[in-house]
């Protein structure tokens, strides 16, 4: 977890105290605590949470996104989750809304095929909508908020997060080029 958290921070996919990640082991998940620094994770920054009937006191120290992670684990085959705030993915979410992106770059087309972008109005619907998208995709982007990626392990979830950001980087810059050409 430390290495992946450090990589997420160095690549600018999370800021100092944003983002979270988890791993499912049997009936438990190991998730980063709320307000932890993914770029500098320490032993006390990982919280063990039972997948069923989590203790309210444990949920207070675990990431605020723990209920979303739990829903994803129950409804998908994901064994690891990364929630990041990739800047180009978030920028792209503002002009895509509730649509699916078909990456233009080769890596994105091969790894991701298509990327759902969703708008979420109410916190209660967040876990359901995100988990539903991740049944058919390895990554989803929540408008103005960030990405959730699943994988068999954290390295795979990181790969999908990074591929997402590259695809959105290219798309964003192509959109800027189109606007410049029109002037």
N, C-alpha and C. Protein backbone atom coordinates (compact mmCIF):
# COMPACT_ATOMS: atom_id res chain seq x y z
N UNK A 1 0.82 -1.19 0.00
CA UNK A 1 0.00 0.00 0.00
C UNK A 1 0.86 1.26 0.00
N UNK A 2 1.94 1.22 0.77
CA UNK A 2 2.80 2.40 0.85
C UNK A 2 3.32 2.83 -0.51
N UNK A 3 3.84 1.86 -1.27
CA UNK A 3 4.43 2.20 -2.57
C UNK A 3 3.38 2.75 -3.53
N UNK A 4 2.22 2.14 -3.57
CA UNK A 4 1.16 2.62 -4.46
C UNK A 4 0.70 4.01 -4.03
N UNK A 5 0.52 4.22 -2.74
CA UNK A 5 0.14 5.54 -2.24
C UNK A 5 1.16 6.60 -2.60
N UNK A 6 2.43 6.25 -2.46
CA UNK A 6 3.52 7.17 -2.81
C UNK A 6 3.48 7.50 -4.31
N UNK A 7 3.28 6.46 -5.14
CA UNK A 7 3.20 6.67 -6.59
C UNK A 7 2.00 7.55 -6.96
N UNK A 8 0.85 7.31 -6.33
CA UNK A 8 -0.33 8.14 -6.60
C UNK A 8 -0.03 9.61 -6.32
N UNK A 9 0.65 9.87 -5.20
CA UNK A 9 0.98 11.24 -4.83
C UNK A 9 1.99 11.85 -5.81
N UNK A 10 3.06 11.11 -6.11
CA UNK A 10 4.10 11.64 -7.00
C UNK A 10 3.56 11.94 -8.40
N UNK A 11 2.60 11.16 -8.87
CA UNK A 11 2.02 11.37 -10.20
C UNK A 11 0.93 12.43 -10.20
N UNK A 12 0.63 13.01 -9.02
CA UNK A 12 -0.38 14.06 -8.94
C UNK A 12 -1.81 13.54 -9.04
N UNK A 13 -2.00 12.27 -8.75
CA UNK A 13 -3.34 11.68 -8.82
C UNK A 13 -4.12 11.88 -7.52
N UNK A 14 -3.43 12.27 -6.47
CA UNK A 14 -4.04 12.67 -5.19
C UNK A 14 -3.26 13.85 -4.66
N UNK A 15 -3.92 14.68 -3.85
CA UNK A 15 -3.19 15.77 -3.19
C UNK A 15 -2.74 15.27 -1.82
N UNK A 16 -2.24 16.15 -0.99
CA UNK A 16 -1.60 15.71 0.26
C UNK A 16 -2.47 14.81 1.12
N UNK A 17 -3.74 15.12 1.29
CA UNK A 17 -4.60 14.34 2.18
C UNK A 17 -5.86 13.83 1.48
N UNK A 18 -5.79 13.64 0.19
CA UNK A 18 -6.99 13.18 -0.53
C UNK A 18 -6.81 11.76 -1.04
N UNK A 19 -7.92 11.17 -1.47
CA UNK A 19 -7.88 9.83 -2.02
C UNK A 19 -7.84 8.77 -0.93
N UNK A 20 -8.07 7.55 -1.34
CA UNK A 20 -8.03 6.42 -0.42
C UNK A 20 -7.89 5.14 -1.22
N UNK A 21 -7.55 4.08 -0.54
CA UNK A 21 -7.43 2.78 -1.21
C UNK A 21 -7.69 1.68 -0.20
N UNK A 22 -8.07 0.53 -0.73
CA UNK A 22 -8.38 -0.60 0.14
C UNK A 22 -8.08 -1.91 -0.57
N UNK A 23 -7.98 -2.96 0.26
CA UNK A 23 -7.77 -4.32 -0.22
C UNK A 23 -8.73 -5.21 0.55
N UNK A 24 -9.38 -6.12 -0.16
CA UNK A 24 -10.27 -7.07 0.49
C UNK A 24 -9.51 -8.36 0.78
N UNK A 25 -9.61 -8.82 2.03
CA UNK A 25 -9.01 -10.10 2.42
C UNK A 25 -10.12 -10.88 3.14
N UNK A 26 -10.69 -11.85 2.45
CA UNK A 26 -11.80 -12.61 3.01
C UNK A 26 -12.98 -11.70 3.30
N UNK A 27 -13.45 -11.73 4.55
CA UNK A 27 -14.59 -10.93 4.95
C UNK A 27 -14.23 -9.58 5.54
N UNK A 28 -12.99 -9.15 5.31
CA UNK A 28 -12.54 -7.86 5.86
C UNK A 28 -11.91 -7.02 4.75
N UNK A 29 -11.92 -5.71 4.98
CA UNK A 29 -11.17 -4.84 4.08
C UNK A 29 -10.16 -4.06 4.92
N UNK A 30 -9.04 -3.78 4.30
CA UNK A 30 -8.00 -2.94 4.90
C UNK A 30 -8.01 -1.66 4.08
N UNK A 31 -8.37 -0.56 4.73
CA UNK A 31 -8.58 0.71 4.04
C UNK A 31 -7.81 1.82 4.72
N UNK A 32 -7.39 2.80 3.95
CA UNK A 32 -6.67 3.93 4.54
C UNK A 32 -7.62 4.72 5.43
N UNK A 33 -7.06 5.26 6.49
CA UNK A 33 -7.88 6.03 7.44
C UNK A 33 -8.21 7.39 6.85
N UNK A 34 -9.22 8.02 7.41
CA UNK A 34 -9.62 9.33 6.95
C UNK A 34 -8.49 10.34 7.15
N UNK A 35 -8.30 11.20 6.19
CA UNK A 35 -7.28 12.25 6.19
C UNK A 35 -5.84 11.72 6.25
N UNK A 36 -5.63 10.47 5.84
CA UNK A 36 -4.25 9.98 5.80
C UNK A 36 -3.55 10.56 4.57
N UNK A 37 -2.24 10.60 4.62
CA UNK A 37 -1.43 11.08 3.50
C UNK A 37 -0.99 9.86 2.69
N UNK A 38 -1.61 9.63 1.55
CA UNK A 38 -1.27 8.45 0.77
C UNK A 38 0.20 8.43 0.36
N UNK A 39 0.78 9.59 0.20
CA UNK A 39 2.19 9.66 -0.18
C UNK A 39 3.15 9.32 0.94
N UNK A 40 2.64 9.27 2.17
CA UNK A 40 3.49 8.97 3.34
C UNK A 40 2.77 8.05 4.32
N UNK A 41 2.22 6.97 3.85
CA UNK A 41 1.46 6.08 4.72
C UNK A 41 2.34 5.46 5.80
N UNK A 42 1.76 5.40 7.00
CA UNK A 42 2.40 4.73 8.14
C UNK A 42 1.50 3.57 8.56
N UNK A 43 2.02 2.72 9.43
CA UNK A 43 1.28 1.54 9.87
C UNK A 43 -0.11 1.90 10.42
N UNK A 44 -0.21 2.93 11.21
CA UNK A 44 -1.49 3.33 11.80
C UNK A 44 -2.47 3.93 10.83
N UNK A 45 -2.07 4.10 9.58
CA UNK A 45 -2.94 4.69 8.57
C UNK A 45 -3.84 3.67 7.87
N UNK A 46 -3.70 2.40 8.21
CA UNK A 46 -4.51 1.35 7.61
C UNK A 46 -5.47 0.82 8.68
N UNK A 47 -6.75 0.79 8.34
CA UNK A 47 -7.79 0.38 9.28
C UNK A 47 -8.45 -0.90 8.77
N UNK A 48 -8.61 -1.89 9.67
CA UNK A 48 -9.29 -3.13 9.32
C UNK A 48 -10.79 -2.96 9.60
N UNK A 49 -11.61 -3.23 8.58
CA UNK A 49 -13.06 -3.06 8.70
C UNK A 49 -13.74 -4.35 8.24
N UNK A 50 -14.60 -4.93 9.09
CA UNK A 50 -15.37 -6.10 8.63
C UNK A 50 -16.32 -5.70 7.50
N UNK A 51 -16.41 -6.52 6.48
CA UNK A 51 -17.27 -6.21 5.34
C UNK A 51 -18.74 -6.20 5.74
N UNK A 52 -19.10 -7.04 6.67
CA UNK A 52 -20.48 -7.09 7.19
C UNK A 52 -20.50 -6.47 8.58
N UNK A 53 -21.48 -5.65 8.84
CA UNK A 53 -21.71 -5.08 10.18
C UNK A 53 -20.48 -4.38 10.75
N UNK A 54 -19.99 -3.39 10.05
CA UNK A 54 -18.83 -2.62 10.53
C UNK A 54 -19.22 -1.79 11.75
N UNK A 55 -18.34 -1.74 12.72
CA UNK A 55 -18.52 -0.99 13.96
C UNK A 55 -18.52 0.51 13.66
N UNK A 56 -19.51 1.27 14.16
CA UNK A 56 -19.55 2.72 13.91
C UNK A 56 -18.28 3.46 14.34
N UNK A 57 -17.64 3.01 15.42
CA UNK A 57 -16.40 3.65 15.88
C UNK A 57 -15.27 3.43 14.88
N UNK A 58 -15.21 2.25 14.30
CA UNK A 58 -14.19 1.96 13.28
C UNK A 58 -14.45 2.81 12.04
N UNK A 59 -15.72 2.95 11.67
CA UNK A 59 -16.06 3.75 10.48
C UNK A 59 -15.69 5.22 10.65
N UNK A 60 -15.63 5.70 11.89
CA UNK A 60 -15.25 7.10 12.14
C UNK A 60 -13.79 7.36 11.78
N UNK A 61 -12.92 6.36 11.98
CA UNK A 61 -11.49 6.58 11.69
C UNK A 61 -11.10 6.10 10.28
N UNK A 62 -11.88 5.18 9.73
CA UNK A 62 -11.61 4.72 8.36
C UNK A 62 -11.99 5.83 7.39
N UNK A 63 -11.54 5.71 6.16
CA UNK A 63 -11.86 6.69 5.13
C UNK A 63 -13.35 6.98 5.08
N UNK A 64 -13.69 8.22 4.78
CA UNK A 64 -15.11 8.58 4.65
C UNK A 64 -15.76 7.85 3.48
N UNK A 65 -14.97 7.32 2.57
CA UNK A 65 -15.49 6.58 1.42
C UNK A 65 -15.65 5.08 1.71
N UNK A 66 -15.45 4.66 2.97
CA UNK A 66 -15.56 3.25 3.32
C UNK A 66 -16.88 2.63 2.88
N UNK A 67 -18.03 3.28 3.10
CA UNK A 67 -19.29 2.67 2.63
C UNK A 67 -19.31 2.41 1.12
N UNK A 68 -18.69 3.29 0.35
CA UNK A 68 -18.61 3.09 -1.10
C UNK A 68 -17.74 1.87 -1.40
N UNK A 69 -16.59 1.78 -0.75
CA UNK A 69 -15.70 0.62 -0.95
C UNK A 69 -16.44 -0.67 -0.60
N UNK A 70 -17.17 -0.67 0.52
CA UNK A 70 -17.89 -1.87 0.94
C UNK A 70 -18.92 -2.28 -0.12
N UNK A 71 -19.64 -1.32 -0.64
CA UNK A 71 -20.65 -1.61 -1.67
C UNK A 71 -19.99 -2.18 -2.92
N UNK A 72 -18.87 -1.60 -3.32
CA UNK A 72 -18.14 -2.09 -4.50
C UNK A 72 -17.71 -3.54 -4.29
N UNK A 73 -17.17 -3.86 -3.10
CA UNK A 73 -16.73 -5.23 -2.84
C UNK A 73 -17.88 -6.22 -2.87
N UNK A 74 -19.03 -5.82 -2.36
CA UNK A 74 -20.19 -6.71 -2.33
C UNK A 74 -20.74 -6.95 -3.74
N UNK A 75 -20.70 -5.93 -4.60
CA UNK A 75 -21.38 -6.02 -5.89
C UNK A 75 -20.48 -6.30 -7.09
N UNK A 76 -19.16 -6.31 -6.90
CA UNK A 76 -18.26 -6.56 -8.04
C UNK A 76 -17.25 -7.64 -7.67
N UNK A 77 -16.41 -7.99 -8.62
CA UNK A 77 -15.36 -8.97 -8.35
C UNK A 77 -14.04 -8.29 -7.95
N UNK A 78 -14.07 -6.98 -7.72
CA UNK A 78 -12.86 -6.26 -7.33
C UNK A 78 -12.31 -6.74 -6.00
N UNK A 79 -11.00 -6.86 -5.92
CA UNK A 79 -10.34 -7.25 -4.67
C UNK A 79 -9.49 -6.13 -4.10
N UNK A 80 -9.33 -5.06 -4.89
CA UNK A 80 -8.62 -3.86 -4.46
C UNK A 80 -9.29 -2.66 -5.11
N UNK A 81 -9.27 -1.53 -4.39
CA UNK A 81 -9.91 -0.31 -4.89
C UNK A 81 -8.99 0.88 -4.66
N UNK A 82 -8.89 1.73 -5.66
CA UNK A 82 -8.21 3.02 -5.49
C UNK A 82 -9.20 4.12 -5.85
N UNK A 83 -9.36 5.05 -4.93
CA UNK A 83 -10.14 6.26 -5.19
C UNK A 83 -9.15 7.41 -5.25
N UNK A 84 -9.03 8.03 -6.42
CA UNK A 84 -8.06 9.11 -6.63
C UNK A 84 -8.78 10.35 -7.13
N UNK A 85 -8.04 11.44 -7.21
CA UNK A 85 -8.56 12.71 -7.72
C UNK A 85 -7.69 13.18 -8.89
N UNK A 86 -7.66 12.39 -9.97
CA UNK A 86 -6.81 12.74 -11.11
C UNK A 86 -7.31 14.00 -11.81
N UNK A 87 -6.47 15.03 -11.92
CA UNK A 87 -6.94 16.33 -12.40
C UNK A 87 -7.54 16.34 -13.80
N UNK A 88 -6.93 15.69 -14.77
CA UNK A 88 -7.48 15.71 -16.13
C UNK A 88 -8.77 14.90 -16.21
N UNK A 89 -8.88 13.87 -15.43
CA UNK A 89 -10.12 13.08 -15.39
C UNK A 89 -11.25 13.92 -14.81
N UNK A 90 -10.95 14.68 -13.77
CA UNK A 90 -11.97 15.55 -13.17
C UNK A 90 -12.34 16.67 -14.14
N UNK A 91 -11.35 17.28 -14.78
CA UNK A 91 -11.65 18.31 -15.80
C UNK A 91 -12.55 17.75 -16.90
N UNK A 92 -12.22 16.57 -17.37
CA UNK A 92 -13.02 15.93 -18.43
C UNK A 92 -14.44 15.68 -17.96
N UNK A 93 -14.60 15.37 -16.68
CA UNK A 93 -15.95 15.07 -16.16
C UNK A 93 -16.89 16.26 -16.28
N UNK A 94 -16.36 17.47 -16.28
CA UNK A 94 -17.22 18.65 -16.37
C UNK A 94 -17.86 18.81 -17.74
N UNK A 95 -17.20 18.33 -18.79
CA UNK A 95 -17.84 18.45 -20.10
C UNK A 95 -18.44 17.14 -20.60
N UNK A 96 -18.23 16.04 -19.88
CA UNK A 96 -18.84 14.77 -20.30
C UNK A 96 -20.15 14.48 -19.57
N UNK A 97 -20.27 14.89 -18.31
CA UNK A 97 -21.49 14.61 -17.56
C UNK A 97 -21.73 13.13 -17.40
N UNK A 98 -22.97 12.70 -17.65
CA UNK A 98 -23.36 11.29 -17.53
C UNK A 98 -23.18 10.55 -18.85
N UNK A 99 -21.97 10.50 -19.33
CA UNK A 99 -21.71 9.82 -20.60
C UNK A 99 -20.55 8.85 -20.43
N UNK A 100 -20.34 8.06 -21.46
CA UNK A 100 -19.24 7.11 -21.47
C UNK A 100 -18.19 7.59 -22.45
N UNK A 101 -16.95 7.57 -22.01
CA UNK A 101 -15.82 7.98 -22.85
C UNK A 101 -15.20 6.75 -23.50
N UNK A 102 -15.00 6.82 -24.78
CA UNK A 102 -14.23 5.80 -25.49
C UNK A 102 -12.85 6.41 -25.72
N UNK A 103 -11.83 5.90 -25.01
CA UNK A 103 -10.50 6.51 -25.12
C UNK A 103 -10.01 6.58 -26.56
N UNK A 104 -9.27 7.66 -26.85
CA UNK A 104 -8.70 7.85 -28.18
C UNK A 104 -7.32 7.21 -28.30
N UNK A 105 -6.63 7.09 -27.18
CA UNK A 105 -5.27 6.54 -27.19
C UNK A 105 -5.32 5.01 -27.16
N UNK A 106 -4.28 4.41 -27.71
CA UNK A 106 -4.21 2.96 -27.83
C UNK A 106 -4.29 2.28 -26.46
N UNK A 107 -3.49 2.72 -25.49
CA UNK A 107 -3.48 2.08 -24.17
C UNK A 107 -4.86 2.13 -23.53
N UNK A 108 -5.50 3.28 -23.59
CA UNK A 108 -6.84 3.42 -23.02
C UNK A 108 -7.86 2.52 -23.69
N UNK A 109 -7.78 2.41 -25.02
CA UNK A 109 -8.71 1.54 -25.74
C UNK A 109 -8.50 0.08 -25.37
N UNK A 110 -7.25 -0.33 -25.22
CA UNK A 110 -6.96 -1.73 -24.90
C UNK A 110 -7.30 -2.05 -23.45
N UNK A 111 -6.84 -1.22 -22.51
CA UNK A 111 -7.03 -1.51 -21.09
C UNK A 111 -8.44 -1.21 -20.59
N UNK A 112 -8.99 -0.09 -21.03
CA UNK A 112 -10.24 0.38 -20.43
C UNK A 112 -11.46 0.20 -21.33
N UNK A 113 -11.26 0.19 -22.62
CA UNK A 113 -12.33 0.08 -23.62
C UNK A 113 -13.30 1.25 -23.55
N UNK A 114 -13.99 1.41 -22.44
CA UNK A 114 -14.87 2.56 -22.26
C UNK A 114 -14.87 2.94 -20.78
N UNK A 115 -15.09 4.22 -20.53
CA UNK A 115 -15.02 4.75 -19.16
C UNK A 115 -16.32 5.48 -18.85
N UNK A 116 -17.10 4.96 -17.88
CA UNK A 116 -18.32 5.68 -17.51
C UNK A 116 -18.01 6.91 -16.66
N UNK A 117 -18.69 8.00 -16.97
CA UNK A 117 -18.64 9.23 -16.18
C UNK A 117 -20.04 9.41 -15.61
N UNK A 118 -20.15 9.64 -14.31
CA UNK A 118 -21.47 9.77 -13.68
C UNK A 118 -21.56 11.04 -12.85
N UNK A 119 -22.77 11.58 -12.81
CA UNK A 119 -23.07 12.69 -11.92
C UNK A 119 -23.84 12.10 -10.75
N UNK A 120 -23.47 12.50 -9.54
CA UNK A 120 -24.15 11.99 -8.35
C UNK A 120 -24.62 13.17 -7.52
N UNK A 121 -25.93 13.23 -7.33
CA UNK A 121 -26.54 14.34 -6.59
C UNK A 121 -26.57 14.08 -5.08
N UNK A 122 -26.91 12.87 -4.70
CA UNK A 122 -27.11 12.52 -3.29
C UNK A 122 -26.06 11.52 -2.84
N UNK A 123 -25.55 11.69 -1.61
CA UNK A 123 -24.57 10.75 -1.06
C UNK A 123 -25.12 9.32 -0.99
N UNK A 124 -26.43 9.19 -0.73
CA UNK A 124 -27.02 7.86 -0.59
C UNK A 124 -26.91 7.04 -1.87
N UNK A 125 -26.90 7.71 -3.02
CA UNK A 125 -26.85 6.99 -4.29
C UNK A 125 -25.43 6.74 -4.77
N UNK A 126 -24.44 7.31 -4.09
CA UNK A 126 -23.06 7.23 -4.58
C UNK A 126 -22.57 5.78 -4.68
N UNK A 127 -22.65 5.03 -3.60
CA UNK A 127 -22.15 3.65 -3.61
C UNK A 127 -22.84 2.79 -4.64
N UNK A 128 -24.16 2.92 -4.74
CA UNK A 128 -24.93 2.13 -5.69
C UNK A 128 -24.53 2.45 -7.13
N UNK A 129 -24.46 3.73 -7.47
CA UNK A 129 -24.12 4.12 -8.85
C UNK A 129 -22.70 3.71 -9.23
N UNK A 130 -21.76 3.93 -8.31
CA UNK A 130 -20.36 3.59 -8.60
C UNK A 130 -20.21 2.09 -8.77
N UNK A 131 -20.76 1.31 -7.84
CA UNK A 131 -20.66 -0.15 -7.92
C UNK A 131 -21.31 -0.66 -9.20
N UNK A 132 -22.44 -0.09 -9.57
CA UNK A 132 -23.12 -0.50 -10.79
C UNK A 132 -22.24 -0.28 -12.03
N UNK A 133 -21.56 0.86 -12.09
CA UNK A 133 -20.65 1.14 -13.22
C UNK A 133 -19.47 0.17 -13.24
N UNK A 134 -19.00 -0.22 -12.06
CA UNK A 134 -17.81 -1.07 -11.97
C UNK A 134 -18.13 -2.55 -12.23
N UNK A 135 -19.37 -2.87 -12.47
CA UNK A 135 -19.71 -4.24 -12.87
C UNK A 135 -19.24 -4.51 -14.30
N UNK A 136 -19.19 -3.45 -15.11
CA UNK A 136 -18.83 -3.60 -16.53
C UNK A 136 -17.57 -2.85 -16.92
N UNK A 137 -16.94 -2.18 -15.98
CA UNK A 137 -15.76 -1.37 -16.27
C UNK A 137 -14.79 -1.49 -15.10
N UNK A 138 -13.53 -1.21 -15.34
CA UNK A 138 -12.53 -1.27 -14.27
C UNK A 138 -12.35 0.07 -13.57
N UNK A 139 -12.93 1.13 -14.15
CA UNK A 139 -12.77 2.46 -13.56
C UNK A 139 -14.00 3.30 -13.90
N UNK A 140 -14.36 4.19 -12.99
CA UNK A 140 -15.48 5.11 -13.18
C UNK A 140 -15.04 6.48 -12.67
N UNK A 141 -15.58 7.54 -13.27
CA UNK A 141 -15.27 8.90 -12.82
C UNK A 141 -16.56 9.56 -12.34
N UNK A 142 -16.51 10.11 -11.13
CA UNK A 142 -17.64 10.85 -10.57
C UNK A 142 -17.40 12.32 -10.87
N UNK A 143 -18.37 12.96 -11.52
CA UNK A 143 -18.23 14.35 -11.95
C UNK A 143 -17.77 15.26 -10.81
N UNK A 144 -16.68 15.98 -11.07
CA UNK A 144 -16.15 16.96 -10.13
C UNK A 144 -15.53 16.37 -8.89
N UNK A 145 -15.45 15.05 -8.80
CA UNK A 145 -14.96 14.42 -7.57
C UNK A 145 -13.71 13.58 -7.77
N UNK A 146 -13.78 12.58 -8.63
CA UNK A 146 -12.61 11.73 -8.83
C UNK A 146 -12.97 10.37 -9.37
N UNK A 147 -11.98 9.48 -9.36
CA UNK A 147 -12.14 8.15 -9.96
C UNK A 147 -12.15 7.07 -8.89
N UNK A 148 -12.79 5.96 -9.24
CA UNK A 148 -12.74 4.72 -8.46
C UNK A 148 -12.32 3.64 -9.43
N UNK A 149 -11.25 2.92 -9.11
CA UNK A 149 -10.77 1.84 -9.96
C UNK A 149 -10.68 0.56 -9.15
N UNK A 150 -11.02 -0.56 -9.77
CA UNK A 150 -10.91 -1.86 -9.11
C UNK A 150 -9.88 -2.71 -9.83
N UNK A 151 -9.33 -3.67 -9.09
CA UNK A 151 -8.39 -4.61 -9.67
C UNK A 151 -8.24 -5.83 -8.79
N UNK A 152 -7.49 -6.80 -9.29
CA UNK A 152 -7.20 -7.98 -8.48
C UNK A 152 -6.24 -7.63 -7.34
N UNK A 153 -5.49 -6.55 -7.53
CA UNK A 153 -4.57 -6.05 -6.50
C UNK A 153 -4.42 -4.55 -6.72
N UNK A 154 -3.74 -3.89 -5.80
CA UNK A 154 -3.60 -2.43 -5.89
C UNK A 154 -2.82 -2.00 -7.12
N UNK A 155 -1.84 -2.79 -7.51
CA UNK A 155 -1.06 -2.44 -8.70
C UNK A 155 -1.95 -2.38 -9.94
N UNK A 156 -2.86 -3.33 -10.06
CA UNK A 156 -3.77 -3.33 -11.20
C UNK A 156 -4.73 -2.14 -11.15
N UNK A 157 -5.28 -1.84 -9.97
CA UNK A 157 -6.16 -0.68 -9.83
C UNK A 157 -5.40 0.61 -10.14
N UNK A 158 -4.12 0.66 -9.76
CA UNK A 158 -3.28 1.82 -10.08
C UNK A 158 -3.08 1.94 -11.60
N UNK A 159 -2.85 0.81 -12.25
CA UNK A 159 -2.67 0.81 -13.71
C UNK A 159 -3.91 1.39 -14.40
N UNK A 160 -5.10 0.99 -13.96
CA UNK A 160 -6.33 1.52 -14.56
C UNK A 160 -6.50 3.01 -14.27
N UNK A 161 -6.13 3.42 -13.06
CA UNK A 161 -6.22 4.84 -12.70
C UNK A 161 -5.28 5.67 -13.57
N UNK A 162 -4.06 5.19 -13.75
CA UNK A 162 -3.07 5.90 -14.55
C UNK A 162 -3.48 5.93 -16.02
N UNK A 163 -4.00 4.83 -16.54
CA UNK A 163 -4.45 4.79 -17.92
C UNK A 163 -5.62 5.75 -18.14
N UNK A 164 -6.53 5.79 -17.19
CA UNK A 164 -7.64 6.75 -17.24
C UNK A 164 -7.11 8.17 -17.35
N UNK A 165 -6.16 8.52 -16.49
CA UNK A 165 -5.65 9.89 -16.48
C UNK A 165 -4.94 10.23 -17.80
N UNK A 166 -4.18 9.28 -18.34
CA UNK A 166 -3.54 9.51 -19.65
C UNK A 166 -4.58 9.75 -20.74
N UNK A 167 -5.62 8.92 -20.76
CA UNK A 167 -6.67 9.08 -21.78
C UNK A 167 -7.34 10.44 -21.66
N UNK A 168 -7.62 10.87 -20.44
CA UNK A 168 -8.27 12.18 -20.24
C UNK A 168 -7.31 13.33 -20.54
N UNK A 169 -6.02 13.14 -20.27
CA UNK A 169 -5.00 14.14 -20.62
C UNK A 169 -5.01 14.39 -22.12
N UNK A 170 -4.98 13.31 -22.90
CA UNK A 170 -4.98 13.45 -24.36
C UNK A 170 -6.26 14.09 -24.85
N UNK A 171 -7.40 13.63 -24.35
CA UNK A 171 -8.68 14.18 -24.78
C UNK A 171 -8.78 15.67 -24.45
N UNK A 172 -8.38 16.04 -23.25
CA UNK A 172 -8.45 17.44 -22.84
C UNK A 172 -7.62 18.33 -23.77
N UNK A 173 -6.40 17.90 -24.06
CA UNK A 173 -5.53 18.70 -24.93
C UNK A 173 -6.01 18.72 -26.38
N UNK A 174 -6.62 17.65 -26.83
CA UNK A 174 -7.21 17.66 -28.17
C UNK A 174 -8.38 18.64 -28.24
N UNK A 175 -9.16 18.71 -27.19
CA UNK A 175 -10.28 19.67 -27.14
C UNK A 175 -9.77 21.10 -27.17
N UNK A 176 -8.68 21.37 -26.45
CA UNK A 176 -8.08 22.71 -26.47
C UNK A 176 -7.59 23.05 -27.88
N UNK A 177 -6.93 22.09 -28.53
CA UNK A 177 -6.46 22.31 -29.90
C UNK A 177 -7.61 22.64 -30.85
N UNK A 178 -8.72 21.94 -30.69
CA UNK A 178 -9.89 22.22 -31.54
C UNK A 178 -10.36 23.66 -31.35
N UNK A 179 -10.38 24.12 -30.12
CA UNK A 179 -10.84 25.49 -29.84
C UNK A 179 -9.88 26.52 -30.40
N UNK A 180 -8.58 26.25 -30.32
CA UNK A 180 -7.58 27.17 -30.88
C UNK A 180 -7.70 27.26 -32.39
N UNK A 181 -7.96 26.14 -33.03
CA UNK A 181 -8.07 26.12 -34.49
C UNK A 181 -9.28 26.90 -34.98
N UNK A 182 -10.33 26.94 -34.18
CA UNK A 182 -11.55 27.66 -34.56
C UNK A 182 -11.36 29.17 -34.51
N UNK A 183 -10.37 29.64 -33.76
CA UNK A 183 -10.16 31.10 -33.61
C UNK A 183 -9.48 31.69 -34.81
